[in-house]
């Protein structure tokens, strides 16, 4: 018996890194998991991990959290497939290419700020018929960065 038995979770950015770890842990704790992932390569591998390797009930949807209709579609898909949604982990975040901050363009910075929880809650924001009022939402943003020693 797990801590999340009978719960349905949507994990954005669940195909890799921290999101992948969260999705795996939720499966081990008994949750049914829908992963919303932008990277198509991650989509196939995470579904196999969650269902075949861990024996859980899971689906994966390709979605870009910067596109409101796509994330609302993911919420609706959880409701349609699993009968509801209890937990949302807003983990997805995009990073611009590995470029020093002072060399980043406005477009690169805008892309980063308009993903994850940087834009008014990202997927935590949708309400209405697709978002059950009693569901729990947790917004977590993680940034993986490479620090370079300044010259001199």
C-alpha atoms as a PDB file:
ATOM      1  CA  UNK A   1       0.000   0.000   0.000  1.00  0.00           C
ATOM      2  CA  UNK A   2       1.519   3.303  -1.110  1.00  0.00           C
ATOM      3  CA  UNK A   3       1.050   6.867   0.013  1.00  0.00           C
ATOM      4  CA  UNK A   4      -0.592   7.786  -3.307  1.00  0.00           C
ATOM      5  CA  UNK A   5      -2.826   4.767  -3.943  1.00  0.00           C
ATOM      6  CA  UNK A   6      -5.829   5.772  -6.026  1.00  0.00           C
ATOM      7  CA  UNK A   7      -4.481   9.230  -6.841  1.00  0.00           C
ATOM      8  CA  UNK A   8      -3.991  10.601 -10.358  1.00  0.00           C
ATOM      9  CA  UNK A   9      -1.003  12.861 -10.973  1.00  0.00           C
ATOM     10  CA  UNK A  10       0.050  15.053 -13.885  1.00  0.00           C
ATOM     11  CA  UNK A  11       3.802  15.731 -13.976  1.00  0.00           C
ATOM     12  CA  UNK A  12       4.996  18.331 -16.468  1.00  0.00           C
ATOM     13  CA  UNK A  13       8.565  17.848 -17.632  1.00  0.00           C
ATOM     14  CA  UNK A  14       8.320  14.285 -16.376  1.00  0.00           C
ATOM     15  CA  UNK A  15      10.493  12.749 -19.061  1.00  0.00           C
ATOM     16  CA  UNK A  16      13.858  13.628 -17.580  1.00  0.00           C
ATOM     17  CA  UNK A  17      15.708  14.931 -14.556  1.00  0.00           C
ATOM     18  CA  UNK A  18      13.738  15.846 -11.448  1.00  0.00           C
ATOM     19  CA  UNK A  19      10.373  15.386 -13.195  1.00  0.00           C
ATOM     20  CA  UNK A  20      11.311  11.842 -14.194  1.00  0.00           C
ATOM     21  CA  UNK A  21      12.294  11.085 -10.616  1.00  0.00           C
ATOM     22  CA  UNK A  22       8.991  12.471  -9.354  1.00  0.00           C
ATOM     23  CA  UNK A  23       6.987  10.405 -11.864  1.00  0.00           C
ATOM     24  CA  UNK A  24       8.894   7.248 -10.908  1.00  0.00           C
ATOM     25  CA  UNK A  25       8.378   7.875  -7.205  1.00  0.00           C
ATOM     26  CA  UNK A  26       4.665   8.535  -7.671  1.00  0.00           C
ATOM     27  CA  UNK A  27       4.322   5.207  -9.524  1.00  0.00           C
ATOM     28  CA  UNK A  28       6.136   3.399  -6.691  1.00  0.00           C
ATOM     29  CA  UNK A  29       3.737   5.047  -4.224  1.00  0.00           C
ATOM     30  CA  UNK A  30       0.702   3.785  -6.150  1.00  0.00           C
ATOM     31  CA  UNK A  31      -0.351   6.817  -8.205  1.00  0.00           C
ATOM     32  CA  UNK A  32      -1.524   6.749 -11.788  1.00  0.00           C
ATOM     33  CA  UNK A  33       0.667   9.203 -13.679  1.00  0.00           C
ATOM     34  CA  UNK A  34       0.241  11.291 -16.816  1.00  0.00           C
ATOM     35  CA  UNK A  35       3.540  12.775 -17.945  1.00  0.00           C
ATOM     36  CA  UNK A  36       3.447  15.928 -20.079  1.00  0.00           C
ATOM     37  CA  UNK A  37       6.776  16.145 -21.873  1.00  0.00           C
ATOM     38  CA  UNK A  38       8.085  18.346 -24.684  1.00  0.00           C
ATOM     39  CA  UNK A  39      10.994  16.104 -25.738  1.00  0.00           C
ATOM     40  CA  UNK A  40       9.713  13.318 -28.008  1.00  0.00           C
ATOM     41  CA  UNK A  41      12.687  11.058 -27.258  1.00  0.00           C
ATOM     42  CA  UNK A  42      11.882  11.214 -23.547  1.00  0.00           C
ATOM     43  CA  UNK A  43       8.199  10.418 -24.179  1.00  0.00           C
ATOM     44  CA  UNK A  44       8.846   6.852 -25.334  1.00  0.00           C
ATOM     45  CA  UNK A  45      11.443   6.009 -22.725  1.00  0.00           C
ATOM     46  CA  UNK A  46       9.568   7.348 -19.701  1.00  0.00           C
ATOM     47  CA  UNK A  47       6.380   5.472 -20.587  1.00  0.00           C
ATOM     48  CA  UNK A  48       8.323   2.208 -20.854  1.00  0.00           C
ATOM     49  CA  UNK A  49      10.035   2.908 -17.523  1.00  0.00           C
ATOM     50  CA  UNK A  50       6.813   3.682 -15.698  1.00  0.00           C
ATOM     51  CA  UNK A  51       4.706   0.879 -17.130  1.00  0.00           C
ATOM     52  CA  UNK A  52       7.069  -1.967 -18.032  1.00  0.00           C
ATOM     53  CA  UNK A  53       9.935  -1.482 -15.589  1.00  0.00           C
ATOM     54  CA  UNK A  54       7.919  -0.266 -12.600  1.00  0.00           C
ATOM     55  CA  UNK A  55       4.591  -1.926 -13.462  1.00  0.00           C
ATOM     56  CA  UNK A  56       2.605   1.262 -13.003  1.00  0.00           C
ATOM     57  CA  UNK A  57      -0.358   2.776 -14.768  1.00  0.00           C
ATOM     58  CA  UNK A  58       0.891   5.712 -16.837  1.00  0.00           C
ATOM     59  CA  UNK A  59       0.460   7.631 -20.068  1.00  0.00           C
ATOM     60  CA  UNK A  60       2.605  10.251 -21.753  1.00  0.00           C
ATOM     61  CA  UNK A  61       1.469  13.256 -23.765  1.00  0.00           C
ATOM     62  CA  UNK A  62       3.720  15.547 -25.780  1.00  0.00           C
ATOM     63  CA  UNK A  63       3.057  19.068 -24.555  1.00  0.00           C
ATOM     64  CA  UNK A  64       4.786  22.422 -24.412  1.00  0.00           C
ATOM     65  CA  UNK A  65       3.990  24.224 -21.141  1.00  0.00           C
ATOM     66  CA  UNK A  66       4.484  27.572 -22.885  1.00  0.00           C
ATOM     67  CA  UNK A  67       1.315  26.858 -24.921  1.00  0.00           C
ATOM     68  CA  UNK A  68      -1.777  27.270 -22.745  1.00  0.00           C
ATOM     69  CA  UNK A  69      -4.016  25.070 -24.924  1.00  0.00           C
ATOM     70  CA  UNK A  70      -1.530  22.194 -24.777  1.00  0.00           C
ATOM     71  CA  UNK A  71      -1.287  22.189 -21.013  1.00  0.00           C
ATOM     72  CA  UNK A  72      -5.057  22.541 -20.616  1.00  0.00           C
ATOM     73  CA  UNK A  73      -5.312  19.604 -23.030  1.00  0.00           C
ATOM     74  CA  UNK A  74      -3.025  17.587 -20.765  1.00  0.00           C
ATOM     75  CA  UNK A  75      -5.234  18.339 -17.766  1.00  0.00           C
ATOM     76  CA  UNK A  76      -8.300  17.287 -19.777  1.00  0.00           C
ATOM     77  CA  UNK A  77      -6.515  14.118 -20.934  1.00  0.00           C
ATOM     78  CA  UNK A  78      -5.897  13.124 -17.306  1.00  0.00           C
ATOM     79  CA  UNK A  79      -9.581  13.610 -16.576  1.00  0.00           C
ATOM     80  CA  UNK A  80     -10.646  11.681 -19.705  1.00  0.00           C
ATOM     81  CA  UNK A  81      -8.207   8.781 -19.246  1.00  0.00           C
ATOM     82  CA  UNK A  82      -8.243   8.366 -15.495  1.00  0.00           C
ATOM     83  CA  UNK A  83     -11.493   9.961 -14.349  1.00  0.00           C
ATOM     84  CA  UNK A  84      -9.979  12.928 -12.563  1.00  0.00           C
ATOM     85  CA  UNK A  85      -6.853  14.668 -11.415  1.00  0.00           C
ATOM     86  CA  UNK A  86      -5.623  14.849  -7.839  1.00  0.00           C
ATOM     87  CA  UNK A  87      -2.040  16.086  -8.089  1.00  0.00           C
ATOM     88  CA  UNK A  88      -0.253  18.449 -10.450  1.00  0.00           C
ATOM     89  CA  UNK A  89       3.508  18.842 -10.382  1.00  0.00           C
ATOM     90  CA  UNK A  90       4.484  21.862 -12.457  1.00  0.00           C
ATOM     91  CA  UNK A  91       8.084  20.851 -13.066  1.00  0.00           C
ATOM     92  CA  UNK A  92       8.647  21.670 -16.752  1.00  0.00           C
ATOM     93  CA  UNK A  93      11.066  24.435 -17.550  1.00  0.00           C
ATOM     94  CA  UNK A  94      12.897  25.352 -20.716  1.00  0.00           C
ATOM     95  CA  UNK A  95      16.412  26.604 -20.965  1.00  0.00           C
ATOM     96  CA  UNK A  96      17.943  28.460 -23.818  1.00  0.00           C
ATOM     97  CA  UNK A  97      21.065  26.966 -25.380  1.00  0.00           C
ATOM     98  CA  UNK A  98      24.260  26.872 -23.345  1.00  0.00           C
ATOM     99  CA  UNK A  99      25.157  30.497 -23.792  1.00  0.00           C
ATOM    100  CA  UNK A 100      26.621  32.865 -21.229  1.00  0.00           C
ATOM    101  CA  UNK A 101      23.973  35.128 -19.715  1.00  0.00           C
ATOM    102  CA  UNK A 102      25.413  38.277 -21.217  1.00  0.00           C
ATOM    103  CA  UNK A 103      25.231  36.660 -24.681  1.00  0.00           C
ATOM    104  CA  UNK A 104      21.599  35.517 -24.422  1.00  0.00           C
ATOM    105  CA  UNK A 105      19.103  37.186 -26.721  1.00  0.00           C
ATOM    106  CA  UNK A 106      15.807  38.611 -25.508  1.00  0.00           C
ATOM    107  CA  UNK A 107      14.055  35.688 -27.234  1.00  0.00           C
ATOM    108  CA  UNK A 108      16.136  33.161 -25.255  1.00  0.00           C
ATOM    109  CA  UNK A 109      15.327  34.854 -21.955  1.00  0.00           C
ATOM    110  CA  UNK A 110      11.656  35.213 -22.858  1.00  0.00           C
ATOM    111  CA  UNK A 111      11.395  31.493 -23.658  1.00  0.00           C
ATOM    112  CA  UNK A 112      12.823  30.593 -20.259  1.00  0.00           C
ATOM    113  CA  UNK A 113      10.611  33.022 -18.363  1.00  0.00           C
ATOM    114  CA  UNK A 114       7.460  31.831 -20.147  1.00  0.00           C
ATOM    115  CA  UNK A 115       7.859  28.202 -19.161  1.00  0.00           C
ATOM    116  CA  UNK A 116       7.426  26.423 -15.875  1.00  0.00           C
ATOM    117  CA  UNK A 117       6.075  28.529 -13.079  1.00  0.00           C
ATOM    118  CA  UNK A 118       7.641  31.686 -14.452  1.00  0.00           C
ATOM    119  CA  UNK A 119       4.411  32.838 -16.117  1.00  0.00           C
ATOM    120  CA  UNK A 120       1.727  33.203 -13.521  1.00  0.00           C
ATOM    121  CA  UNK A 121       1.759  29.584 -12.392  1.00  0.00           C
ATOM    122  CA  UNK A 122       2.123  27.812 -15.731  1.00  0.00           C
ATOM    123  CA  UNK A 123      -0.137  24.761 -15.737  1.00  0.00           C
ATOM    124  CA  UNK A 124      -1.193  25.408 -12.151  1.00  0.00           C
ATOM    125  CA  UNK A 125      -3.254  28.305 -13.442  1.00  0.00           C
ATOM    126  CA  UNK A 126      -6.006  26.538 -15.485  1.00  0.00           C
ATOM    127  CA  UNK A 127      -9.316  26.355 -13.683  1.00  0.00           C
ATOM    128  CA  UNK A 128     -12.808  25.571 -14.780  1.00  0.00           C
ATOM    129  CA  UNK A 129     -14.259  22.354 -16.127  1.00  0.00           C
ATOM    130  CA  UNK A 130     -10.885  20.673 -16.772  1.00  0.00           C
ATOM    131  CA  UNK A 131      -9.351  21.406 -13.393  1.00  0.00           C
ATOM    132  CA  UNK A 132     -11.054  19.717 -10.429  1.00  0.00           C
ATOM    133  CA  UNK A 133     -11.508  22.208  -7.561  1.00  0.00           C
ATOM    134  CA  UNK A 134     -10.300  19.757  -4.887  1.00  0.00           C
ATOM    135  CA  UNK A 135      -7.073  18.849  -6.680  1.00  0.00           C
ATOM    136  CA  UNK A 136      -3.723  19.734  -5.163  1.00  0.00           C
ATOM    137  CA  UNK A 137      -1.174  21.743  -7.101  1.00  0.00           C
ATOM    138  CA  UNK A 138       2.515  22.077  -6.391  1.00  0.00           C
ATOM    139  CA  UNK A 139       4.752  24.261  -8.446  1.00  0.00           C
ATOM    140  CA  UNK A 140       8.416  23.416  -8.443  1.00  0.00           C
ATOM    141  CA  UNK A 141      10.984  24.937 -10.700  1.00  0.00           C
ATOM    142  CA  UNK A 142      14.455  23.577 -11.041  1.00  0.00           C
ATOM    143  CA  UNK A 143      17.197  25.053 -13.122  1.00  0.00           C
ATOM    144  CA  UNK A 144      20.188  23.029 -14.140  1.00  0.00           C
ATOM    145  CA  UNK A 145      23.059  25.279 -14.950  1.00  0.00           C
ATOM    146  CA  UNK A 146      26.729  25.056 -15.664  1.00  0.00           C
ATOM    147  CA  UNK A 147      28.931  27.495 -13.806  1.00  0.00           C
ATOM    148  CA  UNK A 148      32.125  28.583 -15.447  1.00  0.00           C
ATOM    149  CA  UNK A 149      35.096  29.975 -13.546  1.00  0.00           C
ATOM    150  CA  UNK A 150      35.671  33.591 -14.620  1.00  0.00           C
ATOM    151  CA  UNK A 151      38.999  34.141 -16.361  1.00  0.00           C
ATOM    152  CA  UNK A 152      41.860  35.466 -14.287  1.00  0.00           C
END
